[in-house]
Amino acid sequence: MKVDIDEGTLNKIATITGGKYFRATNNSALKDIYEQIDKLEKAKIDVTQYRKKTERFLPFAIIALALLSLEFLTRHTLLKGAIT
């Protein structure tokens, strides 16, 4: 598939930014480009590890709901006339 791109401008951008411009026209050229990029890569990349976290909010929410329910029931049944 023919693609119209401004290679001159892309080369200038690469030169100004200190990078390199690559253009792959087929799979073998793309493979060669990846090999060149791998040779240029000098920085080590740290692997990010993920841990599964558990929520600790639910037990406290259940206790709070139970205490609020107990307070509501007590206020509207046993202590209905005592609290003014």
PDB file of N, CA and C in Angstrom:
ATOM      1  N   MET A   1       0.847  -1.171   0.000  1.00  0.00           N
ATOM      2  CA  MET A   1       0.000   0.000   0.000  1.00  0.00           C
ATOM      3  C   MET A   1       0.894   1.236   0.000  1.00  0.00           C
ATOM      4  N   LYS A   2       0.627   2.123  -0.891  1.00  0.00           N
ATOM      5  CA  LYS A   2       1.427   3.343  -1.001  1.00  0.00           C
ATOM      6  C   LYS A   2       0.998   4.337   0.076  1.00  0.00           C
ATOM      7  N   VAL A   3       2.002   4.875   0.750  1.00  0.00           N
ATOM      8  CA  VAL A   3       1.768   5.849   1.813  1.00  0.00           C
ATOM      9  C   VAL A   3       2.575   7.091   1.497  1.00  0.00           C
ATOM     10  N   ASP A   4       1.909   8.237   1.496  1.00  0.00           N
ATOM     11  CA  ASP A   4       2.602   9.504   1.242  1.00  0.00           C
ATOM     12  C   ASP A   4       2.982  10.135   2.569  1.00  0.00           C
ATOM     13  N   ILE A   5       4.293  10.183   2.827  1.00  0.00           N
ATOM     14  CA  ILE A   5       4.782  10.837   4.042  1.00  0.00           C
ATOM     15  C   ILE A   5       5.936  11.747   3.651  1.00  0.00           C
ATOM     16  N   ASP A   6       6.168  12.729   4.468  1.00  0.00           N
ATOM     17  CA  ASP A   6       7.248  13.688   4.225  1.00  0.00           C
ATOM     18  C   ASP A   6       8.495  13.204   4.959  1.00  0.00           C
ATOM     19  N   GLU A   7       9.281  12.378   4.282  1.00  0.00           N
ATOM     20  CA  GLU A   7      10.453  11.793   4.921  1.00  0.00           C
ATOM     21  C   GLU A   7      11.502  12.833   5.252  1.00  0.00           C
ATOM     22  N   GLY A   8      11.603  13.875   4.458  1.00  0.00           N
ATOM     23  CA  GLY A   8      12.572  14.932   4.749  1.00  0.00           C
ATOM     24  C   GLY A   8      12.310  15.593   6.086  1.00  0.00           C
ATOM     25  N   THR A   9      11.055  15.918   6.324  1.00  0.00           N
ATOM     26  CA  THR A   9      10.679  16.540   7.597  1.00  0.00           C
ATOM     27  C   THR A   9      10.899  15.578   8.756  1.00  0.00           C
ATOM     28  N   LEU A  10      10.548  14.320   8.562  1.00  0.00           N
ATOM     29  CA  LEU A  10      10.748  13.334   9.622  1.00  0.00           C
ATOM     30  C   LEU A  10      12.233  13.157   9.935  1.00  0.00           C
ATOM     31  N   ASN A  11      13.077  13.177   8.912  1.00  0.00           N
ATOM     32  CA  ASN A  11      14.528  13.107   9.133  1.00  0.00           C
ATOM     33  C   ASN A  11      15.029  14.325   9.889  1.00  0.00           C
ATOM     34  N   LYS A  12      14.509  15.511   9.543  1.00  0.00           N
ATOM     35  CA  LYS A  12      14.910  16.733  10.252  1.00  0.00           C
ATOM     36  C   LYS A  12      14.506  16.679  11.715  1.00  0.00           C
ATOM     37  N   ILE A  13      13.287  16.214  11.972  1.00  0.00           N
ATOM     38  CA  ILE A  13      12.811  16.096  13.356  1.00  0.00           C
ATOM     39  C   ILE A  13      13.706  15.140  14.130  1.00  0.00           C
ATOM     40  N   ALA A  14      14.060  14.014  13.526  1.00  0.00           N
ATOM     41  CA  ALA A  14      14.925  13.042  14.191  1.00  0.00           C
ATOM     42  C   ALA A  14      16.290  13.642  14.476  1.00  0.00           C
ATOM     43  N   THR A  15      16.828  14.406  13.535  1.00  0.00           N
ATOM     44  CA  THR A  15      18.137  15.028  13.728  1.00  0.00           C
ATOM     45  C   THR A  15      18.088  16.084  14.827  1.00  0.00           C
ATOM     46  N   ILE A  16      17.061  16.909  14.818  1.00  0.00           N
ATOM     47  CA  ILE A  16      16.934  17.975  15.823  1.00  0.00           C
ATOM     48  C   ILE A  16      16.782  17.395  17.224  1.00  0.00           C
ATOM     49  N   THR A  17      16.017  16.328  17.353  1.00  0.00           N
ATOM     50  CA  THR A  17      15.744  15.750  18.675  1.00  0.00           C
ATOM     51  C   THR A  17      16.791  14.736  19.107  1.00  0.00           C
ATOM     52  N   GLY A  18      17.770  14.469  18.255  1.00  0.00           N
ATOM     53  CA  GLY A  18      18.814  13.523  18.622  1.00  0.00           C
ATOM     54  C   GLY A  18      18.398  12.081  18.428  1.00  0.00           C
ATOM     55  N   GLY A  19      17.402  11.869  17.619  1.00  0.00           N
ATOM     56  CA  GLY A  19      16.911  10.518  17.375  1.00  0.00           C
ATOM     57  C   GLY A  19      17.292  10.016  16.003  1.00  0.00           C
ATOM     58  N   LYS A  20      16.705   8.918  15.616  1.00  0.00           N
ATOM     59  CA  LYS A  20      16.924   8.353  14.289  1.00  0.00           C
ATOM     60  C   LYS A  20      15.581   8.096  13.639  1.00  0.00           C
ATOM     61  N   TYR A  21      15.579   8.214  12.328  1.00  0.00           N
ATOM     62  CA  TYR A  21      14.359   7.968  11.564  1.00  0.00           C
ATOM     63  C   TYR A  21      14.471   6.616  10.879  1.00  0.00           C
ATOM     64  N   PHE A  22      13.460   5.796  11.042  1.00  0.00           N
ATOM     65  CA  PHE A  22      13.412   4.486  10.403  1.00  0.00           C
ATOM     66  C   PHE A  22      12.126   4.397   9.587  1.00  0.00           C
ATOM     67  N   ARG A  23      12.224   3.712   8.450  1.00  0.00           N
ATOM     68  CA  ARG A  23      11.029   3.454   7.662  1.00  0.00           C
ATOM     69  C   ARG A  23      11.090   2.016   7.180  1.00  0.00           C
ATOM     70  N   ALA A  24      10.071   1.272   7.544  1.00  0.00           N
ATOM     71  CA  ALA A  24       9.989  -0.125   7.141  1.00  0.00           C
ATOM     72  C   ALA A  24       9.011  -0.248   5.982  1.00  0.00           C
ATOM     73  N   THR A  25       9.478  -0.848   4.902  1.00  0.00           N
ATOM     74  CA  THR A  25       8.609  -1.039   3.744  1.00  0.00           C
ATOM     75  C   THR A  25       8.165  -2.484   3.590  1.00  0.00           C
ATOM     76  N   ASN A  26       8.790  -3.386   4.363  1.00  0.00           N
ATOM     77  CA  ASN A  26       8.375  -4.794   4.343  1.00  0.00           C
ATOM     78  C   ASN A  26       8.743  -5.433   5.681  1.00  0.00           C
ATOM     79  N   ASN A  27       8.392  -6.682   5.849  1.00  0.00           N
ATOM     80  CA  ASN A  27       8.612  -7.349   7.132  1.00  0.00           C
ATOM     81  C   ASN A  27      10.092  -7.517   7.461  1.00  0.00           C
ATOM     82  N   SER A  28      10.919  -7.816   6.482  1.00  0.00           N
ATOM     83  CA  SER A  28      12.340  -8.000   6.773  1.00  0.00           C
ATOM     84  C   SER A  28      12.987  -6.667   7.162  1.00  0.00           C
ATOM     85  N   ALA A  29      12.580  -5.582   6.519  1.00  0.00           N
ATOM     86  CA  ALA A  29      13.096  -4.261   6.900  1.00  0.00           C
ATOM     87  C   ALA A  29      12.659  -3.915   8.315  1.00  0.00           C
ATOM     88  N   LEU A  30      11.438  -4.259   8.667  1.00  0.00           N
ATOM     89  CA  LEU A  30      10.940  -4.007  10.023  1.00  0.00           C
ATOM     90  C   LEU A  30      11.739  -4.802  11.041  1.00  0.00           C
ATOM     91  N   LYS A  31      12.061  -6.037  10.712  1.00  0.00           N
ATOM     92  CA  LYS A  31      12.854  -6.869  11.616  1.00  0.00           C
ATOM     93  C   LYS A  31      14.244  -6.260  11.809  1.00  0.00           C
ATOM     94  N   ASP A  32      14.858  -5.784  10.719  1.00  0.00           N
ATOM     95  CA  ASP A  32      16.167  -5.135  10.816  1.00  0.00           C
ATOM     96  C   ASP A  32      16.105  -3.876  11.670  1.00  0.00           C
ATOM     97  N   ILE A  33      15.046  -3.120  11.522  1.00  0.00           N
ATOM     98  CA  ILE A  33      14.880  -1.896  12.316  1.00  0.00           C
ATOM     99  C   ILE A  33      14.770  -2.238  13.799  1.00  0.00           C
ATOM    100  N   TYR A  34      13.994  -3.264  14.135  1.00  0.00           N
ATOM    101  CA  TYR A  34      13.879  -3.675  15.537  1.00  0.00           C
ATOM    102  C   TYR A  34      15.223  -4.124  16.092  1.00  0.00           C
ATOM    103  N   GLU A  35      16.022  -4.804  15.274  1.00  0.00           N
ATOM    104  CA  GLU A  35      17.350  -5.227  15.737  1.00  0.00           C
ATOM    105  C   GLU A  35      18.238  -4.020  15.994  1.00  0.00           C
ATOM    106  N   GLN A  36      18.178  -3.016  15.128  1.00  0.00           N
ATOM    107  CA  GLN A  36      18.960  -1.796  15.340  1.00  0.00           C
ATOM    108  C   GLN A  36      18.518  -1.068  16.603  1.00  0.00           C
ATOM    109  N   ILE A  37      17.210  -1.007  16.816  1.00  0.00           N
ATOM    110  CA  ILE A  37      16.695  -0.340  18.019  1.00  0.00           C
ATOM    111  C   ILE A  37      17.121  -1.097  19.266  1.00  0.00           C
ATOM    112  N   ASP A  38      17.108  -2.424  19.219  1.00  0.00           N
ATOM    113  CA  ASP A  38      17.542  -3.211  20.367  1.00  0.00           C
ATOM    114  C   ASP A  38      19.010  -2.961  20.693  1.00  0.00           C
ATOM    115  N   LYS A  39      19.837  -2.743  19.668  1.00  0.00           N
ATOM    116  CA  LYS A  39      21.245  -2.446  19.902  1.00  0.00           C
ATOM    117  C   LYS A  39      21.421  -1.064  20.525  1.00  0.00           C
ATOM    118  N   LEU A  40      20.548  -0.122  20.181  1.00  0.00           N
ATOM    119  CA  LEU A  40      20.638   1.226  20.727  1.00  0.00           C
ATOM    120  C   LEU A  40      20.165   1.302  22.174  1.00  0.00           C
ATOM    121  N   GLU A  41      19.270   0.430  22.540  1.00  0.00           N
ATOM    122  CA  GLU A  41      18.659   0.483  23.870  1.00  0.00           C
ATOM    123  C   GLU A  41      19.689   0.114  24.929  1.00  0.00           C
ATOM    124  N   LYS A  42      20.010   1.065  25.802  1.00  0.00           N
ATOM    125  CA  LYS A  42      21.007   0.826  26.835  1.00  0.00           C
ATOM    126  C   LYS A  42      20.431   0.911  28.241  1.00  0.00           C
ATOM    127  N   ALA A  43      19.236   1.427  28.366  1.00  0.00           N
ATOM    128  CA  ALA A  43      18.626   1.593  29.685  1.00  0.00           C
ATOM    129  C   ALA A  43      17.966   0.298  30.127  1.00  0.00           C
ATOM    130  N   LYS A  44      18.135  -0.028  31.389  1.00  0.00           N
ATOM    131  CA  LYS A  44      17.465  -1.198  31.934  1.00  0.00           C
ATOM    132  C   LYS A  44      16.075  -0.779  32.385  1.00  0.00           C
ATOM    133  N   ILE A  45      15.153  -1.628  32.122  1.00  0.00           N
ATOM    134  CA  ILE A  45      13.763  -1.341  32.473  1.00  0.00           C
ATOM    135  C   ILE A  45      13.377  -2.198  33.664  1.00  0.00           C
ATOM    136  N   ASP A  46      12.894  -1.543  34.702  1.00  0.00           N
ATOM    137  CA  ASP A  46      12.432  -2.275  35.874  1.00  0.00           C
ATOM    138  C   ASP A  46      11.059  -2.860  35.601  1.00  0.00           C
ATOM    139  N   VAL A  47      10.874  -4.061  36.046  1.00  0.00           N
ATOM    140  CA  VAL A  47       9.591  -4.730  35.858  1.00  0.00           C
ATOM    141  C   VAL A  47       8.683  -4.333  37.016  1.00  0.00           C
ATOM    142  N   THR A  48       7.516  -3.882  36.676  1.00  0.00           N
ATOM    143  CA  THR A  48       6.546  -3.507  37.700  1.00  0.00           C
ATOM    144  C   THR A  48       5.804  -4.747  38.160  1.00  0.00           C
ATOM    145  N   GLN A  49       5.749  -4.924  39.458  1.00  0.00           N
ATOM    146  CA  GLN A  49       5.034  -6.067  40.009  1.00  0.00           C
ATOM    147  C   GLN A  49       3.748  -5.571  40.652  1.00  0.00           C
ATOM    148  N   TYR A  50       2.725  -6.344  40.466  1.00  0.00           N
ATOM    149  CA  TYR A  50       1.426  -6.001  41.029  1.00  0.00           C
ATOM    150  C   TYR A  50       1.083  -6.979  42.133  1.00  0.00           C
ATOM    151  N   ARG A  51       0.475  -6.470  43.179  1.00  0.00           N
ATOM    152  CA  ARG A  51       0.015  -7.315  44.270  1.00  0.00           C
ATOM    153  C   ARG A  51      -1.487  -7.186  44.381  1.00  0.00           C
ATOM    154  N   LYS A  52      -2.112  -8.274  44.710  1.00  0.00           N
ATOM    155  CA  LYS A  52      -3.550  -8.230  44.916  1.00  0.00           C
ATOM    156  C   LYS A  52      -3.816  -7.674  46.305  1.00  0.00           C
ATOM    157  N   LYS A  53      -4.631  -6.656  46.350  1.00  0.00           N
ATOM    158  CA  LYS A  53      -4.943  -6.015  47.622  1.00  0.00           C
ATOM    159  C   LYS A  53      -6.337  -6.417  48.062  1.00  0.00           C
ATOM    160  N   THR A  54      -6.501  -6.539  49.344  1.00  0.00           N
ATOM    161  CA  THR A  54      -7.811  -6.879  49.883  1.00  0.00           C
ATOM    162  C   THR A  54      -8.376  -5.658  50.605  1.00  0.00           C
ATOM    163  N   GLU A  55      -9.653  -5.481  50.445  1.00  0.00           N
ATOM    164  CA  GLU A  55     -10.321  -4.370  51.110  1.00  0.00           C
ATOM    165  C   GLU A  55     -10.527  -4.713  52.579  1.00  0.00           C
ATOM    166  N   ARG A  56     -10.276  -3.760  53.440  1.00  0.00           N
ATOM    167  CA  ARG A  56     -10.480  -3.955  54.874  1.00  0.00           C
ATOM    168  C   ARG A  56     -11.609  -3.069  55.388  1.00  0.00           C
ATOM    169  N   PHE A  57     -12.321  -2.460  54.485  1.00  0.00           N
ATOM    170  CA  PHE A  57     -13.374  -1.529  54.850  1.00  0.00           C
ATOM    171  C   PHE A  57     -14.659  -2.241  55.238  1.00  0.00           C
ATOM    172  N   LEU A  58     -14.961  -3.357  54.580  1.00  0.00           N
ATOM    173  CA  LEU A  58     -16.255  -4.020  54.755  1.00  0.00           C
ATOM    174  C   LEU A  58     -16.567  -4.400  56.203  1.00  0.00           C
ATOM    175  N   PRO A  59     -15.668  -5.025  56.976  1.00  0.00           N
ATOM    176  CA  PRO A  59     -16.012  -5.342  58.370  1.00  0.00           C
ATOM    177  C   PRO A  59     -16.370  -4.105  59.193  1.00  0.00           C
ATOM    178  N   PHE A  60     -15.629  -3.021  58.997  1.00  0.00           N
ATOM    179  CA  PHE A  60     -15.923  -1.791  59.740  1.00  0.00           C
ATOM    180  C   PHE A  60     -17.261  -1.198  59.308  1.00  0.00           C
ATOM    181  N   ALA A  61     -17.581  -1.288  58.054  1.00  0.00           N
ATOM    182  CA  ALA A  61     -18.864  -0.790  57.569  1.00  0.00           C
ATOM    183  C   ALA A  61     -20.013  -1.610  58.140  1.00  0.00           C
ATOM    184  N   ILE A  62     -19.835  -2.909  58.212  1.00  0.00           N
ATOM    185  CA  ILE A  62     -20.885  -3.770  58.784  1.00  0.00           C
ATOM    186  C   ILE A  62     -21.078  -3.469  60.266  1.00  0.00           C
ATOM    187  N   ILE A  63     -19.987  -3.295  61.007  1.00  0.00           N
ATOM    188  CA  ILE A  63     -20.081  -2.963  62.434  1.00  0.00           C
ATOM    189  C   ILE A  63     -20.767  -1.607  62.611  1.00  0.00           C
ATOM    190  N   ALA A  64     -20.395  -0.626  61.791  1.00  0.00           N
ATOM    191  CA  ALA A  64     -21.023   0.699  61.887  1.00  0.00           C
ATOM    192  C   ALA A  64     -22.508   0.623  61.572  1.00  0.00           C
ATOM    193  N   LEU A  65     -22.883  -0.145  60.556  1.00  0.00           N
ATOM    194  CA  LEU A  65     -24.289  -0.301  60.201  1.00  0.00           C
ATOM    195  C   LEU A  65     -25.061  -0.985  61.327  1.00  0.00           C
ATOM    196  N   ALA A  66     -24.451  -1.993  61.939  1.00  0.00           N
ATOM    197  CA  ALA A  66     -25.106  -2.694  63.050  1.00  0.00           C
ATOM    198  C   ALA A  66     -25.304  -1.751  64.240  1.00  0.00           C
ATOM    199  N   LEU A  67     -24.303  -0.960  64.562  1.00  0.00           N
ATOM    200  CA  LEU A  67     -24.430  -0.029  65.687  1.00  0.00           C
ATOM    201  C   LEU A  67     -25.456   1.063  65.401  1.00  0.00           C
ATOM    202  N   LEU A  68     -25.487   1.563  64.179  1.00  0.00           N
ATOM    203  CA  LEU A  68     -26.493   2.563  63.826  1.00  0.00           C
ATOM    204  C   LEU A  68     -27.901   1.975  63.881  1.00  0.00           C
ATOM    205  N   SER A  69     -28.041   0.745  63.422  1.00  0.00           N
ATOM    206  CA  SER A  69     -29.355   0.078  63.479  1.00  0.00           C
ATOM    207  C   SER A  69     -29.775  -0.139  64.919  1.00  0.00           C
ATOM    208  N   LEU A  70     -28.831  -0.570  65.758  1.00  0.00           N
ATOM    209  CA  LEU A  70     -29.136  -0.771  67.181  1.00  0.00           C
ATOM    210  C   LEU A  70     -29.538   0.547  67.835  1.00  0.00           C
ATOM    211  N   GLU A  71     -28.846   1.615  67.520  1.00  0.00           N
ATOM    212  CA  GLU A  71     -29.192   2.918  68.077  1.00  0.00           C
ATOM    213  C   GLU A  71     -30.566   3.361  67.610  1.00  0.00           C
ATOM    214  N   PHE A  72     -30.880   3.163  66.342  1.00  0.00           N
ATOM    215  CA  PHE A  72     -32.186   3.544  65.813  1.00  0.00           C
ATOM    216  C   PHE A  72     -33.306   2.747  66.483  1.00  0.00           C
ATOM    217  N   LEU A  73     -33.126   1.424  66.579  1.00  0.00           N
ATOM    218  CA  LEU A  73     -34.152   0.590  67.201  1.00  0.00           C
ATOM    219  C   LEU A  73     -34.328   0.922  68.684  1.00  0.00           C
ATOM    220  N   THR A  74     -33.216   1.145  69.365  1.00  0.00           N
ATOM    221  CA  THR A  74     -33.293   1.472  70.795  1.00  0.00           C
ATOM    222  C   THR A  74     -33.981   2.815  70.999  1.00  0.00           C
ATOM    223  N   ARG A  75     -33.665   3.787  70.196  1.00  0.00           N
ATOM    224  CA  ARG A  75     -34.239   5.121  70.329  1.00  0.00           C
ATOM    225  C   ARG A  75     -35.749   5.098  70.049  1.00  0.00           C
ATOM    226  N   HIS A  76     -36.182   4.294  69.096  1.00  0.00           N
ATOM    227  CA  HIS A  76     -37.590   4.304  68.721  1.00  0.00           C
ATOM    228  C   HIS A  76     -38.435   3.225  69.395  1.00  0.00           C
ATOM    229  N   THR A  77     -37.834   2.402  70.246  1.00  0.00           N
ATOM    230  CA  THR A  77     -38.620   1.390  70.968  1.00  0.00           C
ATOM    231  C   THR A  77     -38.441   1.555  72.470  1.00  0.00           C
ATOM    232  N   LEU A  78     -37.308   1.181  73.018  1.00  0.00           N
ATOM    233  CA  LEU A  78     -37.119   1.180  74.464  1.00  0.00           C
ATOM    234  C   LEU A  78     -37.017   2.583  75.068  1.00  0.00           C
ATOM    235  N   LEU A  79     -36.337   3.451  74.387  1.00  0.00           N
ATOM    236  CA  LEU A  79     -36.100   4.784  74.947  1.00  0.00           C
ATOM    237  C   LEU A  79     -36.962   5.857  74.303  1.00  0.00           C
ATOM    238  N   LYS A  80     -38.090   5.473  73.755  1.00  0.00           N
ATOM    239  CA  LYS A  80     -38.930   6.409  73.031  1.00  0.00           C
ATOM    240  C   LYS A  80     -39.394   7.573  73.900  1.00  0.00           C
ATOM    241  N   GLY A  81     -39.797   7.326  75.091  1.00  0.00           N
ATOM    242  CA  GLY A  81     -40.276   8.390  75.955  1.00  0.00           C
ATOM    243  C   GLY A  81     -39.187   8.969  76.839  1.00  0.00           C
ATOM    244  N   ALA A  82     -38.052   8.290  76.990  1.00  0.00           N
ATOM    245  CA  ALA A  82     -37.013   8.739  77.924  1.00  0.00           C
ATOM    246  C   ALA A  82     -36.200   9.902  77.367  1.00  0.00           C
ATOM    247  N   ILE A  83     -36.007   9.915  76.061  1.00  0.00           N
ATOM    248  CA  ILE A  83     -35.175  10.974  75.462  1.00  0.00           C
ATOM    249  C   ILE A  83     -36.111  12.047  74.902  1.00  0.00           C
ATOM    250  N   THR A  84     -35.893  13.280  75.367  1.00  0.00           N
ATOM    251  CA  THR A  84     -36.734  14.379  74.888  1.00  0.00           C
ATOM    252  C   THR A  84     -35.951  15.383  74.123  1.00  0.00           C
TER     253      THR A  84
END
